Amino acid sequence: MKQKIDVMLPIVVLVLIVASMIYPQPWLMILSTAALSGYLLYDWYKTRNKWMLIAALAFVGMLVLRLWLN
């Protein structure tokens, strides 16, 4: 089951990001940013790579900024 998550999660995130580029809806952009930051946090939890944590915090900051500006 864990290997299935490791394969499916990046694919779902990639599909959400591409969909938000094709259809620039605010809710889809927020969802794709949240999915990407969640995936980066999940990857950081698995590997303990500090750059994954920094990237995840940057995307969370972008998400908060996007919500605040809308």
N, C-alpha and C. Protein backbone atom coordinates (compact mmCIF):
# COMPACT_ATOMS: atom_id res chain seq x y z
N MET A 1 0.81 -1.20 0.00
CA MET A 1 0.00 0.00 0.00
C MET A 1 0.86 1.26 0.00
N LYS A 2 1.97 1.24 0.75
CA LYS A 2 2.84 2.41 0.82
C LYS A 2 3.45 2.72 -0.54
N GLN A 3 3.81 1.69 -1.30
CA GLN A 3 4.38 1.91 -2.63
C GLN A 3 3.34 2.50 -3.57
N LYS A 4 2.09 2.15 -3.38
CA LYS A 4 1.02 2.69 -4.21
C LYS A 4 0.86 4.19 -3.95
N ILE A 5 0.97 4.60 -2.70
CA ILE A 5 0.89 6.02 -2.36
C ILE A 5 2.07 6.78 -2.95
N ASP A 6 3.26 6.19 -2.88
CA ASP A 6 4.45 6.84 -3.41
C ASP A 6 4.37 7.04 -4.92
N VAL A 7 3.61 6.22 -5.61
CA VAL A 7 3.46 6.34 -7.06
C VAL A 7 2.28 7.26 -7.42
N MET A 8 1.17 7.10 -6.74
CA MET A 8 -0.04 7.83 -7.11
C MET A 8 -0.03 9.29 -6.66
N LEU A 9 0.56 9.58 -5.52
CA LEU A 9 0.53 10.94 -4.99
C LEU A 9 1.19 11.96 -5.92
N PRO A 10 2.39 11.71 -6.44
CA PRO A 10 2.97 12.69 -7.37
C PRO A 10 2.17 12.83 -8.67
N ILE A 11 1.55 11.76 -9.12
CA ILE A 11 0.74 11.83 -10.34
C ILE A 11 -0.49 12.71 -10.11
N VAL A 12 -1.14 12.54 -8.98
CA VAL A 12 -2.32 13.36 -8.67
C VAL A 12 -1.93 14.83 -8.54
N VAL A 13 -0.82 15.10 -7.89
CA VAL A 13 -0.36 16.48 -7.74
C VAL A 13 -0.03 17.09 -9.10
N LEU A 14 0.63 16.33 -9.95
CA LEU A 14 0.97 16.81 -11.29
C LEU A 14 -0.28 17.10 -12.12
N VAL A 15 -1.27 16.23 -12.04
CA VAL A 15 -2.52 16.44 -12.78
C VAL A 15 -3.22 17.70 -12.28
N LEU A 16 -3.22 17.92 -10.97
CA LEU A 16 -3.84 19.14 -10.42
C LEU A 16 -3.12 20.40 -10.87
N ILE A 17 -1.79 20.35 -10.92
CA ILE A 17 -1.02 21.52 -11.34
C ILE A 17 -1.27 21.82 -12.82
N VAL A 18 -1.26 20.79 -13.66
CA VAL A 18 -1.53 20.99 -15.09
C VAL A 18 -2.96 21.49 -15.31
N ALA A 19 -3.90 20.94 -14.57
CA ALA A 19 -5.29 21.39 -14.70
C ALA A 19 -5.44 22.84 -14.29
N SER A 20 -4.71 23.27 -13.26
CA SER A 20 -4.82 24.67 -12.84
C SER A 20 -4.15 25.60 -13.83
N MET A 21 -3.22 25.09 -14.63
CA MET A 21 -2.62 25.91 -15.69
C MET A 21 -3.55 26.02 -16.89
N ILE A 22 -4.27 24.95 -17.19
CA ILE A 22 -5.17 24.96 -18.34
C ILE A 22 -6.45 25.73 -18.01
N TYR A 23 -7.02 25.46 -16.84
CA TYR A 23 -8.25 26.13 -16.41
C TYR A 23 -7.93 26.99 -15.19
N PRO A 24 -7.59 28.25 -15.38
CA PRO A 24 -7.15 29.08 -14.24
C PRO A 24 -8.31 29.53 -13.34
N GLN A 25 -8.87 28.58 -12.65
CA GLN A 25 -9.91 28.88 -11.66
C GLN A 25 -9.25 29.07 -10.30
N PRO A 26 -9.72 30.05 -9.51
CA PRO A 26 -9.09 30.29 -8.20
C PRO A 26 -9.12 29.07 -7.27
N TRP A 27 -10.23 28.35 -7.24
CA TRP A 27 -10.32 27.19 -6.34
C TRP A 27 -9.37 26.08 -6.78
N LEU A 28 -9.17 25.95 -8.09
CA LEU A 28 -8.26 24.91 -8.59
C LEU A 28 -6.81 25.27 -8.32
N MET A 29 -6.48 26.56 -8.40
CA MET A 29 -5.12 27.00 -8.07
C MET A 29 -4.82 26.79 -6.59
N ILE A 30 -5.81 27.08 -5.75
CA ILE A 30 -5.63 26.88 -4.31
C ILE A 30 -5.49 25.39 -4.00
N LEU A 31 -6.30 24.57 -4.64
CA LEU A 31 -6.23 23.12 -4.42
C LEU A 31 -4.90 22.54 -4.88
N SER A 32 -4.40 22.99 -6.03
CA SER A 32 -3.12 22.46 -6.53
C SER A 32 -1.96 22.92 -5.65
N THR A 33 -2.00 24.17 -5.16
CA THR A 33 -0.95 24.64 -4.26
C THR A 33 -0.98 23.88 -2.94
N ALA A 34 -2.17 23.62 -2.42
CA ALA A 34 -2.29 22.84 -1.18
C ALA A 34 -1.81 21.41 -1.39
N ALA A 35 -2.14 20.82 -2.54
CA ALA A 35 -1.70 19.45 -2.81
C ALA A 35 -0.18 19.38 -2.94
N LEU A 36 0.42 20.37 -3.61
CA LEU A 36 1.87 20.36 -3.77
C LEU A 36 2.57 20.56 -2.43
N SER A 37 2.09 21.47 -1.61
CA SER A 37 2.72 21.67 -0.31
C SER A 37 2.51 20.45 0.59
N GLY A 38 1.35 19.82 0.49
CA GLY A 38 1.13 18.59 1.26
C GLY A 38 2.04 17.46 0.82
N TYR A 39 2.26 17.34 -0.49
CA TYR A 39 3.17 16.31 -0.97
C TYR A 39 4.60 16.58 -0.51
N LEU A 40 5.02 17.85 -0.56
CA LEU A 40 6.37 18.18 -0.12
C LEU A 40 6.55 17.91 1.38
N LEU A 41 5.51 18.19 2.17
CA LEU A 41 5.58 17.86 3.60
C LEU A 41 5.64 16.36 3.83
N TYR A 42 4.88 15.61 3.03
CA TYR A 42 4.90 14.15 3.14
C TYR A 42 6.29 13.62 2.78
N ASP A 43 6.89 14.18 1.72
CA ASP A 43 8.22 13.74 1.30
C ASP A 43 9.27 14.14 2.34
N TRP A 44 9.11 15.32 2.93
CA TRP A 44 10.03 15.72 3.98
C TRP A 44 9.92 14.78 5.18
N TYR A 45 8.71 14.38 5.54
CA TYR A 45 8.51 13.47 6.66
C TYR A 45 9.20 12.13 6.41
N LYS A 46 9.19 11.68 5.15
CA LYS A 46 9.83 10.40 4.83
C LYS A 46 11.34 10.51 4.80
N THR A 47 11.88 11.58 4.21
CA THR A 47 13.33 11.66 3.98
C THR A 47 14.08 12.53 4.96
N ARG A 48 13.38 13.43 5.65
CA ARG A 48 13.98 14.42 6.55
C ARG A 48 15.00 15.31 5.83
N ASN A 49 14.73 15.60 4.56
CA ASN A 49 15.56 16.49 3.77
C ASN A 49 15.10 17.92 4.04
N LYS A 50 16.03 18.77 4.52
CA LYS A 50 15.63 20.12 4.94
C LYS A 50 15.14 20.96 3.77
N TRP A 51 15.59 20.68 2.56
CA TRP A 51 15.15 21.47 1.40
C TRP A 51 13.70 21.18 1.05
N MET A 52 13.24 19.98 1.32
CA MET A 52 11.82 19.67 1.12
C MET A 52 10.96 20.47 2.10
N LEU A 53 11.44 20.61 3.33
CA LEU A 53 10.71 21.39 4.32
C LEU A 53 10.68 22.87 3.93
N ILE A 54 11.80 23.38 3.45
CA ILE A 54 11.85 24.78 3.02
C ILE A 54 10.91 25.01 1.85
N ALA A 55 10.90 24.10 0.88
CA ALA A 55 10.01 24.24 -0.27
C ALA A 55 8.55 24.13 0.16
N ALA A 56 8.25 23.23 1.07
CA ALA A 56 6.87 23.08 1.54
C ALA A 56 6.41 24.33 2.27
N LEU A 57 7.27 24.90 3.09
CA LEU A 57 6.91 26.13 3.80
C LEU A 57 6.74 27.30 2.82
N ALA A 58 7.54 27.32 1.76
CA ALA A 58 7.38 28.37 0.75
C ALA A 58 6.02 28.24 0.05
N PHE A 59 5.62 27.02 -0.28
CA PHE A 59 4.33 26.83 -0.92
C PHE A 59 3.17 27.08 0.03
N VAL A 60 3.33 26.77 1.31
CA VAL A 60 2.30 27.10 2.28
C VAL A 60 2.18 28.62 2.40
N GLY A 61 3.31 29.32 2.40
CA GLY A 61 3.29 30.78 2.40
C GLY A 61 2.61 31.33 1.16
N MET A 62 2.87 30.73 0.01
CA MET A 62 2.20 31.15 -1.22
C MET A 62 0.70 30.90 -1.13
N LEU A 63 0.31 29.80 -0.54
CA LEU A 63 -1.11 29.49 -0.39
C LEU A 63 -1.80 30.50 0.53
N VAL A 64 -1.15 30.84 1.64
CA VAL A 64 -1.72 31.83 2.55
C VAL A 64 -1.82 33.19 1.87
N LEU A 65 -0.79 33.56 1.12
CA LEU A 65 -0.82 34.82 0.40
C LEU A 65 -1.92 34.83 -0.65
N ARG A 66 -2.09 33.72 -1.36
CA ARG A 66 -3.14 33.64 -2.37
C ARG A 66 -4.53 33.72 -1.74
N LEU A 67 -4.70 33.09 -0.59
CA LEU A 67 -6.00 33.17 0.09
C LEU A 67 -6.25 34.58 0.64
N TRP A 68 -5.21 35.23 1.11
CA TRP A 68 -5.35 36.56 1.68
C TRP A 68 -5.66 37.58 0.59
N LEU A 69 -5.08 37.42 -0.59
CA LEU A 69 -5.31 38.37 -1.67
C LEU A 69 -6.65 38.18 -2.37
N ASN A 70 -7.25 36.99 -2.26
CA ASN A 70 -8.56 36.75 -2.90
C ASN A 70 -9.62 37.30 -2.11
